[in-house]
Amino acid sequence: MPQQTIGPHQAVTIPDAVQVNITLTAGPTATVTAQQNAHSHQYHLTQTAPANTIHTDEAGPIVVSMGAEFGNPQVLVSW
């Protein structure tokens, strides 16, 4: 399973996937945005709820990104 860790102001582009797992590995909280085609959704990760799964039924690349964040959080993205 491919994976990449992203931090503030970073993104990873996944060519095509049905399921993408995101897990907070460092920092207090992180807000991650997943964008595919014209649709985007935000996921808020915390120490008490550190993981989530992005499901998609569309074709095309998915961009998973993080904006400015306090505490230098790190999120493991796997697909």
Protein backbone atom coordinates (compact mmCIF):
# COMPACT_ATOMS: atom_id res chain seq x y z
CA MET A 1 0.00 0.00 0.00
CA PRO A 2 1.64 3.29 -1.06
CA GLN A 3 1.89 5.98 1.59
CA GLN A 4 3.26 9.46 2.17
CA THR A 5 3.39 11.75 5.18
CA ILE A 6 2.31 15.37 4.72
CA GLY A 7 2.65 18.39 6.99
CA PRO A 8 1.51 22.02 6.87
CA HIS A 9 1.44 23.52 3.36
CA GLN A 10 2.03 20.11 1.75
CA ALA A 11 -0.04 17.90 -0.53
CA VAL A 12 0.05 14.51 -2.19
CA THR A 13 -1.63 13.69 -5.49
CA ILE A 14 -2.97 10.15 -5.79
CA PRO A 15 -3.54 9.08 -9.41
CA ASP A 16 -6.76 7.20 -8.71
CA ALA A 17 -8.09 5.41 -5.64
CA VAL A 18 -11.37 4.24 -4.18
CA GLN A 19 -10.24 4.53 -0.55
CA VAL A 20 -7.62 6.76 1.06
CA ASN A 21 -6.71 6.43 4.75
CA ILE A 22 -5.53 9.47 6.71
CA THR A 23 -3.97 9.22 10.17
CA LEU A 24 -2.65 11.98 12.45
CA THR A 25 0.84 10.83 13.50
CA ALA A 26 2.14 14.00 15.20
CA GLY A 27 0.69 17.24 16.51
CA PRO A 28 -2.49 18.15 18.37
CA THR A 29 -4.92 18.48 15.43
CA ALA A 30 -4.94 18.72 11.64
CA THR A 31 -7.48 19.66 9.00
CA VAL A 32 -6.97 17.79 5.74
CA THR A 33 -8.71 18.62 2.47
CA ALA A 34 -9.40 15.99 -0.17
CA GLN A 35 -10.22 17.29 -3.64
CA GLN A 36 -11.24 15.25 -6.65
CA ASN A 37 -12.55 16.87 -9.83
CA ALA A 38 -14.87 19.70 -8.70
CA HIS A 39 -15.60 18.21 -5.26
CA SER A 40 -13.72 18.77 -2.02
CA HIS A 41 -14.26 17.71 1.57
CA GLN A 42 -12.44 18.57 4.80
CA TYR A 43 -11.51 16.07 7.50
CA HIS A 44 -10.58 17.19 11.04
CA LEU A 45 -8.21 14.85 12.87
CA THR A 46 -7.49 15.06 16.61
CA GLN A 47 -5.60 13.05 19.22
CA THR A 48 -8.89 11.43 20.30
CA ALA A 49 -10.06 10.79 16.72
CA PRO A 50 -6.77 10.50 14.80
CA ALA A 51 -7.91 8.56 11.72
CA ASN A 52 -10.47 8.76 8.95
CA THR A 53 -11.11 7.22 5.55
CA ILE A 54 -11.82 9.09 2.34
CA HIS A 55 -14.15 7.14 0.04
CA THR A 56 -14.68 8.08 -3.58
CA ASP A 57 -16.62 6.65 -6.49
CA GLU A 58 -15.32 9.10 -9.09
CA ALA A 59 -12.49 8.59 -11.55
CA GLY A 60 -9.47 10.85 -11.58
CA PRO A 61 -6.71 12.03 -9.29
CA ILE A 62 -7.31 12.91 -5.65
CA VAL A 63 -5.31 15.73 -4.05
CA VAL A 64 -4.95 15.40 -0.27
CA SER A 65 -3.57 18.59 1.27
CA MET A 66 -3.04 20.45 4.53
CA GLY A 67 -2.99 24.22 4.94
CA ALA A 68 -1.43 26.26 7.73
CA GLU A 69 -1.62 24.43 11.06
CA PHE A 70 -0.48 25.07 14.64
CA GLY A 71 1.90 22.58 16.24
CA ASN A 72 3.41 21.19 13.01
CA PRO A 73 1.07 18.19 12.66
CA GLN A 74 1.95 15.27 10.41
CA VAL A 75 -0.62 13.11 8.63
CA LEU A 76 0.10 9.72 7.07
CA VAL A 77 -1.80 9.31 3.80
CA SER A 78 -2.09 5.75 2.45
CA TRP A 79 -3.98 4.32 -0.50
